[in-house]
N, C-alpha and C. Protein backbone atom coordinates (compact mmCIF):
# COMPACT_ATOMS: atom_id res chain seq x y z
N MET A 1 8.35 -1.49 -5.27
CA MET A 1 9.65 -1.83 -4.69
C MET A 1 10.58 -2.40 -5.75
N LEU A 2 10.00 -3.19 -6.66
CA LEU A 2 10.83 -3.73 -7.75
C LEU A 2 11.37 -2.61 -8.61
N ALA A 3 10.51 -1.69 -9.00
CA ALA A 3 10.94 -0.59 -9.86
C ALA A 3 11.92 0.32 -9.14
N ILE A 4 11.64 0.65 -7.90
CA ILE A 4 12.47 1.59 -7.15
C ILE A 4 13.86 1.01 -6.90
N SER A 5 13.93 -0.31 -6.72
CA SER A 5 15.23 -0.93 -6.47
C SER A 5 16.00 -1.24 -7.75
N GLY A 6 15.36 -1.04 -8.90
CA GLY A 6 16.01 -1.34 -10.16
C GLY A 6 16.01 -2.81 -10.52
N THR A 7 15.14 -3.59 -9.88
CA THR A 7 15.04 -5.02 -10.15
C THR A 7 14.25 -5.24 -11.44
N GLU A 8 14.75 -6.09 -12.31
CA GLU A 8 14.03 -6.40 -13.55
C GLU A 8 12.82 -7.27 -13.24
N TYR A 9 11.70 -6.95 -13.89
CA TYR A 9 10.47 -7.72 -13.67
C TYR A 9 9.50 -7.45 -14.82
N GLU A 10 8.51 -8.30 -14.94
CA GLU A 10 7.43 -8.08 -15.91
C GLU A 10 6.16 -7.80 -15.14
N ASP A 11 5.51 -6.70 -15.45
CA ASP A 11 4.23 -6.32 -14.83
C ASP A 11 3.14 -6.73 -15.81
N PHE A 12 2.60 -7.92 -15.61
CA PHE A 12 1.56 -8.42 -16.51
C PHE A 12 0.19 -8.12 -15.93
N ARG A 13 -0.65 -7.50 -16.74
CA ARG A 13 -2.02 -7.19 -16.33
C ARG A 13 -2.97 -7.73 -17.39
N TYR A 14 -3.99 -8.46 -16.95
CA TYR A 14 -4.98 -8.96 -17.89
C TYR A 14 -5.78 -7.79 -18.47
N PRO A 15 -6.12 -7.87 -19.76
CA PRO A 15 -6.93 -6.80 -20.34
C PRO A 15 -8.34 -6.79 -19.76
N LEU A 16 -8.89 -5.58 -19.68
CA LEU A 16 -10.24 -5.40 -19.15
C LEU A 16 -10.99 -4.52 -20.13
N ASP A 17 -12.15 -5.00 -20.61
CA ASP A 17 -13.00 -4.21 -21.49
C ASP A 17 -13.77 -3.22 -20.61
N MET A 18 -13.40 -1.94 -20.69
CA MET A 18 -13.99 -0.93 -19.81
C MET A 18 -15.46 -0.68 -20.12
N ALA A 19 -15.91 -0.99 -21.33
CA ALA A 19 -17.32 -0.78 -21.67
C ALA A 19 -18.21 -1.82 -21.01
N THR A 20 -17.71 -3.05 -20.92
CA THR A 20 -18.54 -4.14 -20.39
C THR A 20 -18.01 -4.71 -19.08
N PHE A 21 -16.80 -4.31 -18.72
CA PHE A 21 -16.08 -4.84 -17.55
C PHE A 21 -15.83 -6.35 -17.67
N LYS A 22 -15.82 -6.84 -18.91
CA LYS A 22 -15.49 -8.24 -19.14
C LYS A 22 -13.97 -8.40 -19.13
N LYS A 23 -13.53 -9.51 -18.58
CA LYS A 23 -12.11 -9.82 -18.51
C LYS A 23 -11.92 -11.27 -18.96
N GLU A 24 -12.17 -11.49 -20.23
CA GLU A 24 -12.23 -12.84 -20.77
C GLU A 24 -10.92 -13.60 -20.59
N GLU A 25 -9.78 -12.95 -20.82
CA GLU A 25 -8.49 -13.63 -20.70
C GLU A 25 -8.24 -14.05 -19.25
N ALA A 26 -8.56 -13.17 -18.31
CA ALA A 26 -8.39 -13.51 -16.89
C ALA A 26 -9.33 -14.63 -16.48
N ASP A 27 -10.56 -14.58 -16.95
CA ASP A 27 -11.53 -15.62 -16.62
C ASP A 27 -11.10 -16.97 -17.18
N ALA A 28 -10.55 -16.96 -18.39
CA ALA A 28 -10.08 -18.21 -19.00
C ALA A 28 -8.90 -18.78 -18.23
N ALA A 29 -7.98 -17.92 -17.80
CA ALA A 29 -6.84 -18.38 -17.03
C ALA A 29 -7.28 -18.96 -15.69
N LYS A 30 -8.25 -18.30 -15.07
CA LYS A 30 -8.79 -18.81 -13.81
C LYS A 30 -9.44 -20.17 -14.01
N ALA A 31 -10.24 -20.30 -15.06
CA ALA A 31 -10.91 -21.57 -15.35
C ALA A 31 -9.90 -22.69 -15.64
N ALA A 32 -8.76 -22.32 -16.20
CA ALA A 32 -7.71 -23.29 -16.51
C ALA A 32 -6.86 -23.64 -15.29
N GLY A 33 -7.15 -23.02 -14.15
CA GLY A 33 -6.43 -23.34 -12.92
C GLY A 33 -5.16 -22.54 -12.70
N LYS A 34 -4.94 -21.50 -13.51
CA LYS A 34 -3.69 -20.74 -13.39
C LYS A 34 -3.62 -19.88 -12.14
N HIS A 35 -4.75 -19.69 -11.47
CA HIS A 35 -4.78 -18.87 -10.25
C HIS A 35 -5.12 -19.70 -9.01
N ASP A 36 -5.06 -21.01 -9.14
CA ASP A 36 -5.48 -21.88 -8.03
C ASP A 36 -4.68 -21.66 -6.75
N ILE A 37 -3.39 -21.34 -6.87
CA ILE A 37 -2.57 -21.17 -5.67
C ILE A 37 -3.07 -20.00 -4.81
N ASN A 38 -3.79 -19.07 -5.46
CA ASN A 38 -4.38 -17.94 -4.74
C ASN A 38 -5.90 -18.06 -4.68
N MET A 39 -6.38 -19.29 -4.68
CA MET A 39 -7.81 -19.59 -4.57
C MET A 39 -8.62 -18.87 -5.65
N GLY A 40 -8.05 -18.83 -6.86
CA GLY A 40 -8.74 -18.25 -8.00
C GLY A 40 -8.66 -16.74 -8.10
N ARG A 41 -7.83 -16.12 -7.27
CA ARG A 41 -7.77 -14.66 -7.25
C ARG A 41 -6.42 -14.13 -7.73
N LEU A 42 -6.36 -12.84 -7.90
CA LEU A 42 -5.13 -12.14 -8.21
C LEU A 42 -4.87 -11.14 -7.08
N PRO A 43 -3.64 -10.71 -6.88
CA PRO A 43 -2.46 -10.86 -7.72
C PRO A 43 -1.70 -12.14 -7.43
N LEU A 44 -0.81 -12.45 -8.35
CA LEU A 44 0.13 -13.56 -8.20
C LEU A 44 1.52 -13.06 -8.56
N LEU A 45 2.50 -13.60 -7.88
CA LEU A 45 3.90 -13.33 -8.21
C LEU A 45 4.51 -14.63 -8.67
N GLU A 46 5.17 -14.60 -9.82
CA GLU A 46 5.88 -15.77 -10.32
C GLU A 46 7.38 -15.49 -10.25
N VAL A 47 8.09 -16.39 -9.59
CA VAL A 47 9.54 -16.26 -9.43
C VAL A 47 10.18 -17.61 -9.72
N ASP A 48 11.05 -17.65 -10.72
CA ASP A 48 11.77 -18.88 -11.06
C ASP A 48 10.84 -20.07 -11.21
N GLY A 49 9.70 -19.85 -11.84
CA GLY A 49 8.74 -20.93 -12.11
C GLY A 49 7.81 -21.25 -10.96
N ALA A 50 8.00 -20.63 -9.82
CA ALA A 50 7.12 -20.84 -8.66
C ALA A 50 6.14 -19.68 -8.54
N GLN A 51 4.96 -19.96 -8.01
CA GLN A 51 3.95 -18.93 -7.79
C GLN A 51 3.86 -18.60 -6.30
N ILE A 52 3.65 -17.33 -6.00
CA ILE A 52 3.44 -16.86 -4.63
C ILE A 52 2.13 -16.11 -4.61
N ALA A 53 1.28 -16.44 -3.64
CA ALA A 53 -0.06 -15.86 -3.53
C ALA A 53 -0.12 -14.87 -2.37
N GLN A 54 -1.25 -14.18 -2.31
CA GLN A 54 -1.60 -13.23 -1.24
C GLN A 54 -0.77 -11.95 -1.36
N SER A 55 -1.45 -10.83 -1.54
CA SER A 55 -0.77 -9.57 -1.80
C SER A 55 0.21 -9.17 -0.70
N LYS A 56 -0.16 -9.37 0.56
CA LYS A 56 0.75 -8.97 1.65
C LYS A 56 1.95 -9.90 1.74
N THR A 57 1.77 -11.17 1.42
CA THR A 57 2.89 -12.10 1.36
C THR A 57 3.84 -11.70 0.23
N ILE A 58 3.25 -11.31 -0.90
CA ILE A 58 4.06 -10.82 -2.03
C ILE A 58 4.83 -9.57 -1.62
N ASP A 59 4.15 -8.65 -0.93
CA ASP A 59 4.82 -7.44 -0.45
C ASP A 59 6.06 -7.79 0.37
N ARG A 60 5.88 -8.67 1.35
CA ARG A 60 6.99 -9.01 2.24
C ARG A 60 8.12 -9.72 1.50
N PHE A 61 7.76 -10.61 0.58
CA PHE A 61 8.77 -11.33 -0.20
C PHE A 61 9.61 -10.34 -1.01
N ILE A 62 8.93 -9.43 -1.71
CA ILE A 62 9.65 -8.45 -2.53
C ILE A 62 10.47 -7.51 -1.66
N ALA A 63 9.88 -7.10 -0.53
CA ALA A 63 10.61 -6.20 0.38
C ALA A 63 11.91 -6.84 0.85
N LYS A 64 11.85 -8.12 1.18
CA LYS A 64 13.06 -8.81 1.62
C LYS A 64 14.07 -8.93 0.49
N LYS A 65 13.60 -9.32 -0.70
CA LYS A 65 14.50 -9.51 -1.84
C LYS A 65 15.15 -8.20 -2.29
N CYS A 66 14.41 -7.09 -2.15
CA CYS A 66 14.89 -5.81 -2.69
C CYS A 66 15.46 -4.87 -1.64
N GLY A 67 15.55 -5.33 -0.39
CA GLY A 67 16.18 -4.52 0.64
C GLY A 67 15.30 -3.50 1.33
N PHE A 68 13.99 -3.74 1.35
CA PHE A 68 13.07 -2.81 1.98
C PHE A 68 12.47 -3.36 3.28
N LEU A 69 13.12 -4.36 3.86
CA LEU A 69 12.57 -5.00 5.07
C LEU A 69 13.50 -4.83 6.26
N GLY A 70 14.25 -3.74 6.28
CA GLY A 70 15.05 -3.40 7.45
C GLY A 70 16.40 -4.10 7.49
N ALA A 71 17.16 -3.75 8.54
CA ALA A 71 18.53 -4.24 8.70
C ALA A 71 18.63 -5.40 9.67
N SER A 72 17.51 -5.82 10.26
CA SER A 72 17.52 -6.92 11.23
C SER A 72 16.14 -7.56 11.27
N ASP A 73 16.05 -8.69 11.93
CA ASP A 73 14.75 -9.34 12.08
C ASP A 73 13.80 -8.47 12.90
N ILE A 74 14.31 -7.74 13.89
CA ILE A 74 13.48 -6.83 14.69
C ILE A 74 12.91 -5.73 13.80
N GLU A 75 13.76 -5.12 12.99
CA GLU A 75 13.28 -4.08 12.08
C GLU A 75 12.27 -4.64 11.09
N ALA A 76 12.50 -5.84 10.60
CA ALA A 76 11.55 -6.47 9.67
C ALA A 76 10.18 -6.62 10.32
N ALA A 77 10.17 -7.05 11.56
CA ALA A 77 8.90 -7.22 12.28
C ALA A 77 8.23 -5.88 12.54
N GLN A 78 9.01 -4.85 12.87
CA GLN A 78 8.45 -3.52 13.08
C GLN A 78 7.86 -2.95 11.79
N ILE A 79 8.56 -3.14 10.69
CA ILE A 79 8.06 -2.71 9.39
C ILE A 79 6.75 -3.42 9.07
N ASP A 80 6.73 -4.71 9.27
CA ASP A 80 5.53 -5.51 9.01
C ASP A 80 4.37 -5.02 9.87
N ALA A 81 4.64 -4.75 11.15
CA ALA A 81 3.59 -4.30 12.06
C ALA A 81 3.01 -2.96 11.62
N LEU A 82 3.87 -2.02 11.21
CA LEU A 82 3.36 -0.73 10.74
C LEU A 82 2.50 -0.90 9.50
N CYS A 83 2.89 -1.79 8.61
CA CYS A 83 2.08 -2.06 7.42
C CYS A 83 0.73 -2.66 7.81
N GLU A 84 0.71 -3.50 8.82
CA GLU A 84 -0.56 -4.08 9.30
C GLU A 84 -1.42 -3.01 9.97
N HIS A 85 -0.80 -2.05 10.67
CA HIS A 85 -1.56 -0.93 11.23
C HIS A 85 -2.27 -0.18 10.10
N VAL A 86 -1.55 0.09 9.03
CA VAL A 86 -2.15 0.79 7.88
C VAL A 86 -3.29 -0.04 7.31
N ARG A 87 -3.11 -1.34 7.24
CA ARG A 87 -4.18 -2.18 6.71
C ARG A 87 -5.43 -2.09 7.59
N ASP A 88 -5.25 -2.06 8.91
CA ASP A 88 -6.40 -1.91 9.81
C ASP A 88 -7.14 -0.59 9.53
N ILE A 89 -6.38 0.48 9.32
CA ILE A 89 -7.00 1.78 9.07
C ILE A 89 -7.73 1.78 7.72
N LYS A 90 -7.12 1.15 6.73
CA LYS A 90 -7.76 1.03 5.42
C LYS A 90 -9.04 0.20 5.50
N ASP A 91 -9.01 -0.87 6.27
CA ASP A 91 -10.19 -1.72 6.44
C ASP A 91 -11.34 -0.93 7.05
N ALA A 92 -11.02 -0.06 8.03
CA ALA A 92 -12.05 0.77 8.65
C ALA A 92 -12.67 1.72 7.60
N TYR A 93 -11.86 2.24 6.70
CA TYR A 93 -12.36 3.11 5.64
C TYR A 93 -13.28 2.34 4.68
N GLN A 94 -12.90 1.11 4.36
CA GLN A 94 -13.73 0.32 3.44
C GLN A 94 -15.11 0.05 4.03
N LYS A 95 -15.19 -0.06 5.35
CA LYS A 95 -16.50 -0.24 6.00
C LYS A 95 -17.37 1.00 5.81
N VAL A 96 -16.75 2.17 5.87
CA VAL A 96 -17.50 3.40 5.64
C VAL A 96 -17.94 3.48 4.18
N ARG A 97 -17.07 3.12 3.26
CA ARG A 97 -17.42 3.13 1.83
C ARG A 97 -18.56 2.17 1.51
N ALA A 98 -18.71 1.14 2.34
CA ALA A 98 -19.76 0.14 2.10
C ALA A 98 -21.10 0.52 2.73
N LEU A 99 -21.15 1.64 3.43
CA LEU A 99 -22.41 2.06 4.05
C LEU A 99 -23.47 2.33 2.99
N PRO A 100 -24.75 2.19 3.35
CA PRO A 100 -25.82 2.56 2.41
C PRO A 100 -25.67 4.03 2.01
N ASP A 101 -26.14 4.36 0.82
CA ASP A 101 -25.96 5.71 0.29
C ASP A 101 -26.43 6.80 1.25
N GLU A 102 -27.55 6.56 1.93
CA GLU A 102 -28.08 7.59 2.81
C GLU A 102 -27.21 7.82 4.06
N ALA A 103 -26.44 6.81 4.45
CA ALA A 103 -25.59 6.93 5.64
C ALA A 103 -24.15 7.30 5.31
N LYS A 104 -23.80 7.21 4.03
CA LYS A 104 -22.40 7.41 3.64
C LYS A 104 -21.88 8.81 3.90
N PRO A 105 -22.62 9.90 3.58
CA PRO A 105 -22.06 11.24 3.84
C PRO A 105 -21.69 11.46 5.31
N ALA A 106 -22.55 11.07 6.22
CA ALA A 106 -22.24 11.24 7.65
C ALA A 106 -21.08 10.35 8.06
N GLY A 107 -21.04 9.13 7.50
CA GLY A 107 -19.94 8.21 7.80
C GLY A 107 -18.60 8.74 7.31
N MET A 108 -18.59 9.31 6.11
CA MET A 108 -17.36 9.89 5.56
C MET A 108 -16.92 11.10 6.37
N GLU A 109 -17.88 11.93 6.75
CA GLU A 109 -17.55 13.12 7.54
C GLU A 109 -16.91 12.71 8.87
N LYS A 110 -17.48 11.71 9.51
CA LYS A 110 -16.91 11.23 10.78
C LYS A 110 -15.54 10.60 10.55
N TYR A 111 -15.40 9.79 9.48
CA TYR A 111 -14.12 9.11 9.24
C TYR A 111 -13.00 10.13 9.05
N PHE A 112 -13.21 11.11 8.16
CA PHE A 112 -12.14 12.06 7.86
C PHE A 112 -12.01 13.14 8.93
N GLY A 113 -13.09 13.45 9.62
CA GLY A 113 -13.04 14.48 10.64
C GLY A 113 -12.56 14.01 12.00
N THR A 114 -12.86 12.74 12.32
CA THR A 114 -12.54 12.22 13.65
C THR A 114 -11.69 10.96 13.61
N ASP A 115 -12.17 9.94 12.90
CA ASP A 115 -11.52 8.63 12.94
C ASP A 115 -10.11 8.64 12.36
N LEU A 116 -9.95 9.15 11.14
CA LEU A 116 -8.63 9.12 10.50
C LEU A 116 -7.62 9.98 11.27
N PRO A 117 -7.98 11.19 11.74
CA PRO A 117 -7.00 11.91 12.56
C PRO A 117 -6.60 11.14 13.82
N GLU A 118 -7.55 10.44 14.44
CA GLU A 118 -7.21 9.63 15.62
C GLU A 118 -6.28 8.48 15.24
N TRP A 119 -6.57 7.80 14.14
CA TRP A 119 -5.70 6.72 13.67
C TRP A 119 -4.30 7.25 13.38
N CYS A 120 -4.24 8.38 12.70
CA CYS A 120 -2.92 8.95 12.36
C CYS A 120 -2.15 9.31 13.63
N GLY A 121 -2.85 9.83 14.63
CA GLY A 121 -2.19 10.14 15.89
C GLY A 121 -1.62 8.90 16.56
N LYS A 122 -2.36 7.82 16.52
CA LYS A 122 -1.87 6.56 17.10
C LYS A 122 -0.69 6.01 16.30
N LEU A 123 -0.78 6.10 14.97
CA LEU A 123 0.32 5.63 14.12
C LEU A 123 1.56 6.50 14.35
N GLU A 124 1.37 7.79 14.51
CA GLU A 124 2.48 8.70 14.79
C GLU A 124 3.24 8.25 16.05
N LYS A 125 2.51 7.89 17.10
CA LYS A 125 3.15 7.44 18.35
C LYS A 125 3.91 6.13 18.13
N ALA A 126 3.32 5.24 17.35
CA ALA A 126 3.99 3.96 17.08
C ALA A 126 5.29 4.18 16.31
N ILE A 127 5.25 5.04 15.29
CA ILE A 127 6.43 5.28 14.47
C ILE A 127 7.53 5.96 15.28
N ALA A 128 7.14 6.81 16.21
CA ALA A 128 8.14 7.50 17.04
C ALA A 128 8.99 6.50 17.82
N LEU A 129 8.47 5.31 18.05
CA LEU A 129 9.22 4.28 18.78
C LEU A 129 10.11 3.42 17.90
N THR A 130 9.94 3.51 16.58
CA THR A 130 10.71 2.66 15.66
C THR A 130 11.66 3.43 14.75
N SER A 131 11.41 4.71 14.57
CA SER A 131 12.21 5.52 13.65
C SER A 131 13.53 5.94 14.29
N LYS A 132 14.59 5.85 13.51
CA LYS A 132 15.91 6.33 13.96
C LYS A 132 16.34 7.57 13.19
N THR A 133 15.68 7.81 12.06
CA THR A 133 16.05 8.91 11.17
C THR A 133 14.79 9.61 10.70
N PRO A 134 14.74 10.95 10.72
CA PRO A 134 13.56 11.64 10.19
C PRO A 134 13.27 11.20 8.75
N GLY A 135 12.00 10.93 8.48
CA GLY A 135 11.60 10.50 7.15
C GLY A 135 11.62 9.00 6.95
N CYS A 136 12.03 8.26 7.95
CA CYS A 136 12.05 6.79 7.89
C CYS A 136 11.23 6.23 9.04
N ALA A 137 10.28 5.37 8.74
CA ALA A 137 9.40 4.82 9.77
C ALA A 137 10.13 3.86 10.70
N VAL A 138 11.06 3.11 10.14
CA VAL A 138 11.83 2.14 10.92
C VAL A 138 13.29 2.25 10.50
N GLY A 139 14.16 2.30 11.48
CA GLY A 139 15.58 2.33 11.15
C GLY A 139 15.99 3.62 10.48
N ASP A 140 16.93 3.51 9.54
CA ASP A 140 17.49 4.72 8.95
C ASP A 140 17.54 4.70 7.42
N LYS A 141 16.70 3.83 6.80
CA LYS A 141 16.64 3.84 5.34
C LYS A 141 15.22 3.51 4.86
N LEU A 142 14.97 3.82 3.60
CA LEU A 142 13.66 3.60 3.00
C LEU A 142 13.23 2.15 3.18
N SER A 143 11.99 1.95 3.62
CA SER A 143 11.48 0.60 3.85
C SER A 143 10.08 0.44 3.26
N MET A 144 9.60 -0.79 3.29
CA MET A 144 8.24 -1.08 2.86
C MET A 144 7.24 -0.27 3.68
N ALA A 145 7.53 -0.02 4.95
CA ALA A 145 6.62 0.77 5.79
C ALA A 145 6.50 2.19 5.26
N ASP A 146 7.61 2.80 4.88
CA ASP A 146 7.58 4.16 4.34
C ASP A 146 6.75 4.21 3.06
N LEU A 147 6.98 3.27 2.17
CA LEU A 147 6.24 3.23 0.91
C LEU A 147 4.76 2.98 1.16
N THR A 148 4.45 2.09 2.09
CA THR A 148 3.05 1.79 2.41
C THR A 148 2.36 3.04 2.95
N ILE A 149 2.99 3.73 3.89
CA ILE A 149 2.41 4.94 4.48
C ILE A 149 2.23 6.02 3.40
N TYR A 150 3.24 6.21 2.58
CA TYR A 150 3.19 7.24 1.54
C TYR A 150 2.05 6.98 0.56
N TYR A 151 2.00 5.78 0.00
CA TYR A 151 0.97 5.50 -1.01
C TYR A 151 -0.42 5.45 -0.40
N TRP A 152 -0.54 5.03 0.85
CA TRP A 152 -1.83 5.04 1.53
C TRP A 152 -2.35 6.47 1.68
N LEU A 153 -1.50 7.37 2.13
CA LEU A 153 -1.96 8.73 2.42
C LEU A 153 -2.04 9.63 1.19
N THR A 154 -1.37 9.26 0.11
CA THR A 154 -1.38 10.13 -1.06
C THR A 154 -2.19 9.58 -2.24
N PHE A 155 -2.48 8.27 -2.27
CA PHE A 155 -3.17 7.69 -3.43
C PHE A 155 -4.40 6.84 -3.08
N PHE A 156 -4.51 6.36 -1.88
CA PHE A 156 -5.55 5.39 -1.54
C PHE A 156 -6.94 6.03 -1.41
N PHE A 157 -7.02 7.17 -0.78
CA PHE A 157 -8.31 7.76 -0.45
C PHE A 157 -8.91 8.54 -1.61
N ASP A 158 -10.25 8.49 -1.72
CA ASP A 158 -10.95 9.34 -2.67
C ASP A 158 -10.83 10.80 -2.24
N ASN A 159 -10.84 11.03 -0.94
CA ASN A 159 -10.77 12.36 -0.36
C ASN A 159 -9.31 12.65 0.03
N THR A 160 -8.50 13.04 -0.94
CA THR A 160 -7.08 13.25 -0.67
C THR A 160 -6.85 14.45 0.25
N GLU A 161 -7.69 15.48 0.13
CA GLU A 161 -7.54 16.65 1.01
C GLU A 161 -7.89 16.29 2.45
N GLY A 162 -8.91 15.45 2.64
CA GLY A 162 -9.26 15.00 3.98
C GLY A 162 -8.15 14.18 4.60
N ALA A 163 -7.51 13.34 3.78
CA ALA A 163 -6.38 12.54 4.27
C ALA A 163 -5.22 13.45 4.65
N LYS A 164 -4.94 14.44 3.81
CA LYS A 164 -3.83 15.36 4.08
C LYS A 164 -4.07 16.13 5.39
N ALA A 165 -5.31 16.56 5.60
CA ALA A 165 -5.63 17.28 6.83
C ALA A 165 -5.50 16.37 8.05
N ALA A 166 -5.81 15.09 7.88
CA ALA A 166 -5.77 14.15 9.01
C ALA A 166 -4.35 13.91 9.50
N PHE A 167 -3.36 13.86 8.59
CA PHE A 167 -2.00 13.59 9.04
C PHE A 167 -1.16 14.85 9.19
N ALA A 168 -1.72 16.01 8.84
CA ALA A 168 -0.96 17.27 8.94
C ALA A 168 -0.41 17.54 10.34
N PRO A 169 -1.15 17.22 11.42
CA PRO A 169 -0.60 17.48 12.76
C PRO A 169 0.46 16.46 13.21
N CYS A 170 0.80 15.52 12.35
CA CYS A 170 1.71 14.43 12.71
C CYS A 170 3.06 14.66 12.02
N PRO A 171 4.04 15.24 12.72
CA PRO A 171 5.30 15.59 12.06
C PRO A 171 6.09 14.39 11.54
N THR A 172 6.04 13.27 12.24
CA THR A 172 6.81 12.10 11.80
C THR A 172 6.21 11.52 10.53
N ILE A 173 4.89 11.38 10.49
CA ILE A 173 4.22 10.88 9.29
C ILE A 173 4.42 11.87 8.14
N SER A 174 4.28 13.16 8.42
CA SER A 174 4.47 14.18 7.37
C SER A 174 5.88 14.10 6.79
N ALA A 175 6.88 13.87 7.63
CA ALA A 175 8.26 13.75 7.15
C ALA A 175 8.42 12.52 6.25
N ILE A 176 7.75 11.42 6.60
CA ILE A 176 7.81 10.22 5.75
C ILE A 176 7.20 10.50 4.39
N VAL A 177 6.02 11.12 4.38
CA VAL A 177 5.35 11.43 3.12
C VAL A 177 6.22 12.34 2.26
N SER A 178 6.82 13.36 2.87
CA SER A 178 7.69 14.28 2.12
C SER A 178 8.94 13.58 1.60
N THR A 179 9.56 12.77 2.45
CA THR A 179 10.80 12.10 2.08
C THR A 179 10.58 11.11 0.94
N VAL A 180 9.54 10.30 1.05
CA VAL A 180 9.26 9.32 0.00
C VAL A 180 8.87 10.04 -1.29
N GLY A 181 8.02 11.06 -1.18
CA GLY A 181 7.58 11.80 -2.36
C GLY A 181 8.72 12.49 -3.10
N ALA A 182 9.79 12.83 -2.38
CA ALA A 182 10.94 13.50 -2.99
C ALA A 182 12.00 12.53 -3.49
N ASN A 183 11.84 11.24 -3.19
CA ASN A 183 12.82 10.23 -3.59
C ASN A 183 12.84 10.12 -5.12
N GLU A 184 14.02 10.24 -5.72
CA GLU A 184 14.13 10.24 -7.19
C GLU A 184 13.64 8.94 -7.81
N ALA A 185 13.92 7.82 -7.18
CA ALA A 185 13.47 6.53 -7.72
C ALA A 185 11.95 6.41 -7.65
N VAL A 186 11.36 6.94 -6.59
CA VAL A 186 9.90 6.93 -6.46
C VAL A 186 9.28 7.81 -7.54
N LYS A 187 9.85 9.01 -7.72
CA LYS A 187 9.32 9.92 -8.75
C LYS A 187 9.43 9.30 -10.14
N ALA A 188 10.54 8.62 -10.40
CA ALA A 188 10.72 7.99 -11.71
C ALA A 188 9.67 6.90 -11.92
N TRP A 189 9.39 6.11 -10.88
CA TRP A 189 8.37 5.07 -10.99
C TRP A 189 7.00 5.69 -11.23
N GLU A 190 6.67 6.73 -10.49
CA GLU A 190 5.35 7.35 -10.64
C GLU A 190 5.16 7.94 -12.03
N ALA A 191 6.24 8.39 -12.64
CA ALA A 191 6.15 8.97 -13.98
C ALA A 191 5.88 7.93 -15.06
N LYS A 192 6.28 6.67 -14.80
CA LYS A 192 6.14 5.65 -15.85
C LYS A 192 5.20 4.50 -15.52
N ARG A 193 4.67 4.46 -14.30
CA ARG A 193 3.87 3.30 -13.91
C ARG A 193 2.59 3.20 -14.74
N PRO A 194 2.11 1.98 -14.94
CA PRO A 194 0.86 1.81 -15.70
C PRO A 194 -0.31 2.41 -14.94
N VAL A 195 -1.26 2.93 -15.68
CA VAL A 195 -2.47 3.48 -15.08
C VAL A 195 -3.46 2.34 -14.88
N THR A 196 -3.90 2.16 -13.63
CA THR A 196 -4.90 1.14 -13.33
C THR A 196 -6.27 1.79 -13.48
N LYS A 197 -7.11 1.22 -14.33
CA LYS A 197 -8.36 1.87 -14.68
C LYS A 197 -9.41 1.78 -13.60
N ILE A 198 -9.38 0.70 -12.80
CA ILE A 198 -10.36 0.59 -11.71
C ILE A 198 -9.66 0.06 -10.49
């Protein structure tokens, strides 16, 4: 959202030794108390000398500052709710990923064959009640909900084809994915964003 809105910011990432997975600089900062506001975890947002913790809190803060949280308090709440729906669906996927190896293939088959299409169908119905413009989940302009839905369905899953098949019958979700993917500011960000190794 910062990049897409043209807001100046620094994207600081601690170095990670990919051979050993050691993160000495991050561990030292944590030991020094630099991550205490987030209970020793990352990410953190620093604004005007203040720290903000919790990734979803950071999302909402940036969305509000950069104009991605709707045109009213009602729209802001609807955007937030759609993002929480996506989080619920992602949490269900993480449970399948955590299954023992012998149960994982059947769990994945069920998730992508049955569960995710059902979730997408429910999300489609919810969005139909909040969207005013094709390609926008809430209201009539790009929001945090649109970006959340787009990145969830196009980058989050290991099985991108399974995700694509799950939302294919959902015209409203498909329009959001197409609209966000075609957005010039989004494309510019994707072309230059740092590669996260893990």
